[in-house]
Amino acid sequence: MDKSTQERLEAAAFRRLTSHFQKRPDVQNIDLMVLAGFCRNCLSDWYQEAAEQEGISMTKADAREAVYGMPYEEWKGKHQREATPEQLATFEASQKK
């Protein structure tokens, strides 16, 4: 596979992943962190880092909006719930692995 094709496929997969996350706001970031070791915030950080590697200036807010599909503060207000003690304990245990 040539590099151009690979990059197009990777971009398509990224768009599908972010679209999936945008359609599933019920899945909380803390749960993603426990199960997958990354969350929407991680993905937006990676997106921002990739932009910077290409010489593109991007704010954290812009990167998060690209991943969340709306401004981060708006998403938090609509969808983020306070982590339960059980979620926090599970998260802490997962960080020790």
N, C-alpha and C. Protein backbone atom coordinates (compact mmCIF):
# COMPACT_ATOMS: atom_id res chain seq x y z
N MET A 1 0.85 -1.17 0.00
CA MET A 1 0.00 0.00 0.00
C MET A 1 0.90 1.24 0.00
N ASP A 2 0.56 2.20 -0.84
CA ASP A 2 1.39 3.40 -0.86
C ASP A 2 1.01 4.33 0.30
N LYS A 3 1.90 5.22 0.62
CA LYS A 3 1.74 6.10 1.79
C LYS A 3 0.49 6.98 1.69
N SER A 4 0.20 7.49 0.52
CA SER A 4 -0.98 8.34 0.33
C SER A 4 -2.27 7.58 0.64
N THR A 5 -2.35 6.36 0.15
CA THR A 5 -3.53 5.53 0.42
C THR A 5 -3.63 5.22 1.90
N GLN A 6 -2.52 4.86 2.51
CA GLN A 6 -2.51 4.58 3.95
C GLN A 6 -3.01 5.78 4.74
N GLU A 7 -2.52 6.97 4.40
CA GLU A 7 -2.94 8.17 5.12
C GLU A 7 -4.43 8.47 4.91
N ARG A 8 -4.96 8.22 3.73
CA ARG A 8 -6.39 8.41 3.48
C ARG A 8 -7.22 7.45 4.33
N LEU A 9 -6.76 6.21 4.42
CA LEU A 9 -7.47 5.22 5.23
C LEU A 9 -7.41 5.58 6.71
N GLU A 10 -6.24 6.01 7.17
CA GLU A 10 -6.10 6.41 8.57
C GLU A 10 -6.98 7.61 8.88
N ALA A 11 -7.04 8.57 7.97
CA ALA A 11 -7.90 9.74 8.16
C ALA A 11 -9.37 9.34 8.22
N ALA A 12 -9.76 8.42 7.36
CA ALA A 12 -11.15 7.95 7.37
C ALA A 12 -11.47 7.24 8.68
N ALA A 13 -10.53 6.44 9.17
CA ALA A 13 -10.74 5.74 10.44
C ALA A 13 -10.84 6.74 11.59
N PHE A 14 -10.01 7.77 11.58
CA PHE A 14 -10.07 8.81 12.61
C PHE A 14 -11.43 9.52 12.58
N ARG A 15 -11.89 9.87 11.38
CA ARG A 15 -13.19 10.54 11.28
C ARG A 15 -14.31 9.65 11.80
N ARG A 16 -14.21 8.36 11.51
CA ARG A 16 -15.24 7.44 11.99
C ARG A 16 -15.19 7.29 13.51
N LEU A 17 -13.99 7.24 14.06
CA LEU A 17 -13.83 7.14 15.51
C LEU A 17 -14.41 8.37 16.20
N THR A 18 -14.06 9.55 15.72
CA THR A 18 -14.57 10.76 16.37
C THR A 18 -16.09 10.85 16.20
N SER A 19 -16.60 10.47 15.04
CA SER A 19 -18.04 10.47 14.84
C SER A 19 -18.73 9.50 15.80
N HIS A 20 -18.13 8.34 15.98
CA HIS A 20 -18.68 7.35 16.91
C HIS A 20 -18.72 7.91 18.33
N PHE A 21 -17.61 8.51 18.76
CA PHE A 21 -17.58 9.11 20.10
C PHE A 21 -18.62 10.22 20.24
N GLN A 22 -18.83 11.00 19.19
CA GLN A 22 -19.80 12.09 19.25
C GLN A 22 -21.22 11.55 19.36
N LYS A 23 -21.47 10.38 18.81
CA LYS A 23 -22.80 9.76 18.88
C LYS A 23 -23.01 8.99 20.17
N ARG A 24 -21.95 8.81 20.96
CA ARG A 24 -22.04 8.04 22.20
C ARG A 24 -21.58 8.86 23.41
N PRO A 25 -22.26 9.99 23.67
CA PRO A 25 -21.85 10.79 24.82
C PRO A 25 -22.14 10.09 26.15
N ASP A 26 -22.92 9.00 26.10
CA ASP A 26 -23.19 8.24 27.31
C ASP A 26 -21.94 7.52 27.81
N VAL A 27 -21.00 7.29 26.92
CA VAL A 27 -19.75 6.65 27.31
C VAL A 27 -18.84 7.74 27.88
N GLN A 28 -18.60 7.66 29.16
CA GLN A 28 -17.84 8.68 29.86
C GLN A 28 -16.33 8.49 29.64
N ASN A 29 -15.60 9.59 29.66
CA ASN A 29 -14.16 9.53 29.47
C ASN A 29 -13.48 8.65 30.50
N ILE A 30 -13.93 8.68 31.73
CA ILE A 30 -13.28 7.87 32.77
C ILE A 30 -13.43 6.38 32.44
N ASP A 31 -14.57 6.00 31.87
CA ASP A 31 -14.78 4.60 31.48
C ASP A 31 -13.85 4.23 30.32
N LEU A 32 -13.69 5.15 29.37
CA LEU A 32 -12.76 4.91 28.26
C LEU A 32 -11.34 4.73 28.79
N MET A 33 -10.95 5.58 29.74
CA MET A 33 -9.60 5.49 30.30
C MET A 33 -9.38 4.14 30.97
N VAL A 34 -10.36 3.67 31.69
CA VAL A 34 -10.23 2.38 32.38
C VAL A 34 -10.12 1.24 31.38
N LEU A 35 -10.99 1.25 30.38
CA LEU A 35 -11.05 0.13 29.44
C LEU A 35 -9.99 0.19 28.34
N ALA A 36 -9.71 1.39 27.84
CA ALA A 36 -8.85 1.50 26.67
C ALA A 36 -7.52 2.20 26.94
N GLY A 37 -7.43 2.88 28.07
CA GLY A 37 -6.20 3.59 28.38
C GLY A 37 -6.08 4.94 27.68
N PHE A 38 -7.15 5.38 27.03
CA PHE A 38 -7.19 6.71 26.43
C PHE A 38 -8.65 7.16 26.38
N CYS A 39 -8.84 8.47 26.20
CA CYS A 39 -10.19 9.01 26.13
C CYS A 39 -10.25 10.09 25.07
N ARG A 40 -11.35 10.78 25.00
CA ARG A 40 -11.52 11.85 24.02
C ARG A 40 -10.47 12.94 24.20
N ASN A 41 -10.14 13.25 25.45
CA ASN A 41 -9.13 14.28 25.71
C ASN A 41 -7.77 13.83 25.19
N CYS A 42 -7.43 12.58 25.38
CA CYS A 42 -6.16 12.06 24.85
C CYS A 42 -6.15 12.20 23.34
N LEU A 43 -7.24 11.80 22.71
CA LEU A 43 -7.33 11.87 21.26
C LEU A 43 -7.18 13.31 20.77
N SER A 44 -7.79 14.24 21.46
CA SER A 44 -7.65 15.63 21.06
C SER A 44 -6.23 16.14 21.28
N ASP A 45 -5.56 15.67 22.33
CA ASP A 45 -4.15 16.03 22.54
C ASP A 45 -3.29 15.51 21.40
N TRP A 46 -3.54 14.28 20.98
CA TRP A 46 -2.78 13.68 19.88
C TRP A 46 -3.03 14.44 18.58
N TYR A 47 -4.27 14.87 18.38
CA TYR A 47 -4.63 15.64 17.20
C TYR A 47 -3.88 16.97 17.18
N GLN A 48 -3.84 17.64 18.32
CA GLN A 48 -3.12 18.90 18.44
C GLN A 48 -1.63 18.70 18.20
N GLU A 49 -1.07 17.65 18.77
CA GLU A 49 0.36 17.35 18.57
C GLU A 49 0.66 17.09 17.10
N ALA A 50 -0.23 16.36 16.42
CA ALA A 50 -0.03 16.07 15.00
C ALA A 50 -0.06 17.37 14.19
N ALA A 51 -0.98 18.25 14.54
CA ALA A 51 -1.04 19.54 13.85
C ALA A 51 0.26 20.31 14.03
N GLU A 52 0.75 20.35 15.26
CA GLU A 52 1.98 21.08 15.55
C GLU A 52 3.18 20.47 14.82
N GLN A 53 3.20 19.15 14.68
CA GLN A 53 4.28 18.49 13.94
C GLN A 53 4.26 18.88 12.46
N GLU A 54 3.10 19.26 11.98
CA GLU A 54 2.95 19.70 10.59
C GLU A 54 3.10 21.22 10.46
N GLY A 55 3.46 21.88 11.56
CA GLY A 55 3.63 23.33 11.54
C GLY A 55 2.33 24.11 11.58
N ILE A 56 1.26 23.45 12.01
CA ILE A 56 -0.06 24.07 12.10
C ILE A 56 -0.32 24.44 13.55
N SER A 57 -0.59 25.70 13.79
CA SER A 57 -0.90 26.16 15.14
C SER A 57 -2.34 25.80 15.46
N MET A 58 -2.53 25.12 16.58
CA MET A 58 -3.87 24.70 16.97
C MET A 58 -3.97 24.80 18.49
N THR A 59 -5.04 25.40 18.97
CA THR A 59 -5.24 25.49 20.40
C THR A 59 -5.83 24.18 20.92
N LYS A 60 -5.70 23.99 22.22
CA LYS A 60 -6.31 22.83 22.86
C LYS A 60 -7.82 22.85 22.64
N ALA A 61 -8.42 24.04 22.74
CA ALA A 61 -9.86 24.17 22.55
C ALA A 61 -10.27 23.76 21.13
N ASP A 62 -9.48 24.16 20.12
CA ASP A 62 -9.79 23.79 18.74
C ASP A 62 -9.68 22.28 18.55
N ALA A 63 -8.65 21.68 19.12
CA ALA A 63 -8.46 20.23 18.99
C ALA A 63 -9.61 19.49 19.67
N ARG A 64 -10.00 19.95 20.84
CA ARG A 64 -11.10 19.28 21.54
C ARG A 64 -12.41 19.42 20.78
N GLU A 65 -12.64 20.58 20.19
CA GLU A 65 -13.86 20.76 19.42
C GLU A 65 -13.88 19.82 18.21
N ALA A 66 -12.73 19.59 17.60
CA ALA A 66 -12.65 18.65 16.47
C ALA A 66 -13.03 17.24 16.90
N VAL A 67 -12.65 16.85 18.11
CA VAL A 67 -12.95 15.50 18.61
C VAL A 67 -14.36 15.41 19.19
N TYR A 68 -14.76 16.40 19.97
CA TYR A 68 -16.06 16.37 20.64
C TYR A 68 -17.22 16.77 19.73
N GLY A 69 -16.92 17.49 18.64
CA GLY A 69 -17.97 17.94 17.74
C GLY A 69 -18.68 19.18 18.23
N MET A 70 -18.18 19.77 19.28
CA MET A 70 -18.72 21.00 19.86
C MET A 70 -17.68 21.51 20.85
N PRO A 71 -17.80 22.75 21.29
CA PRO A 71 -16.85 23.22 22.31
C PRO A 71 -16.88 22.30 23.53
N TYR A 72 -15.70 22.06 24.08
CA TYR A 72 -15.54 21.12 25.19
C TYR A 72 -16.43 21.48 26.38
N GLU A 73 -16.47 22.76 26.73
CA GLU A 73 -17.28 23.17 27.88
C GLU A 73 -18.76 22.89 27.65
N GLU A 74 -19.19 23.04 26.41
CA GLU A 74 -20.58 22.72 26.07
C GLU A 74 -20.83 21.22 26.23
N TRP A 75 -19.89 20.40 25.73
CA TRP A 75 -20.03 18.96 25.85
C TRP A 75 -20.08 18.55 27.32
N LYS A 76 -19.17 19.11 28.12
CA LYS A 76 -19.15 18.78 29.55
C LYS A 76 -20.49 19.11 30.20
N GLY A 77 -21.02 20.28 29.88
CA GLY A 77 -22.29 20.69 30.47
C GLY A 77 -23.45 19.80 30.08
N LYS A 78 -23.42 19.30 28.87
CA LYS A 78 -24.51 18.45 28.37
C LYS A 78 -24.36 16.99 28.77
N HIS A 79 -23.11 16.50 28.80
CA HIS A 79 -22.93 15.04 28.84
C HIS A 79 -22.07 14.50 29.99
N GLN A 80 -21.17 15.28 30.51
CA GLN A 80 -20.25 14.72 31.51
C GLN A 80 -20.92 14.66 32.88
N ARG A 81 -20.84 13.48 33.45
CA ARG A 81 -21.38 13.28 34.80
C ARG A 81 -20.21 13.23 35.78
N GLU A 82 -20.50 13.52 37.01
CA GLU A 82 -19.50 13.39 38.06
C GLU A 82 -19.14 11.91 38.20
N ALA A 83 -17.85 11.62 38.27
CA ALA A 83 -17.42 10.24 38.42
C ALA A 83 -17.87 9.69 39.77
N THR A 84 -18.34 8.46 39.74
CA THR A 84 -18.77 7.82 40.98
C THR A 84 -17.53 7.34 41.75
N PRO A 85 -17.68 7.09 43.05
CA PRO A 85 -16.55 6.54 43.80
C PRO A 85 -16.06 5.22 43.19
N GLU A 86 -16.97 4.41 42.67
CA GLU A 86 -16.58 3.15 42.05
C GLU A 86 -15.75 3.38 40.78
N GLN A 87 -16.18 4.34 39.97
CA GLN A 87 -15.42 4.66 38.75
C GLN A 87 -14.03 5.16 39.11
N LEU A 88 -13.95 6.03 40.10
CA LEU A 88 -12.66 6.57 40.51
C LEU A 88 -11.75 5.47 41.04
N ALA A 89 -12.30 4.54 41.81
CA ALA A 89 -11.50 3.44 42.35
C ALA A 89 -11.01 2.53 41.22
N THR A 90 -11.90 2.24 40.27
CA THR A 90 -11.51 1.41 39.13
C THR A 90 -10.44 2.10 38.30
N PHE A 91 -10.59 3.41 38.11
CA PHE A 91 -9.60 4.17 37.36
C PHE A 91 -8.25 4.13 38.08
N GLU A 92 -8.24 4.36 39.36
CA GLU A 92 -6.99 4.34 40.13
C GLU A 92 -6.32 2.96 40.02
N ALA A 93 -7.11 1.91 40.14
CA ALA A 93 -6.55 0.55 40.04
C ALA A 93 -5.97 0.31 38.64
N SER A 94 -6.65 0.84 37.61
CA SER A 94 -6.16 0.62 36.23
C SER A 94 -4.85 1.36 35.99
N GLN A 95 -4.61 2.45 36.70
CA GLN A 95 -3.38 3.22 36.52
C GLN A 95 -2.17 2.52 37.14
N LYS A 96 -2.42 1.60 38.04
CA LYS A 96 -1.33 0.86 38.69
C LYS A 96 -0.81 -0.29 37.85
N LYS A 97 -1.56 -0.65 36.80
CA LYS A 97 -1.17 -1.78 35.95
C LYS A 97 -0.02 -1.43 35.05
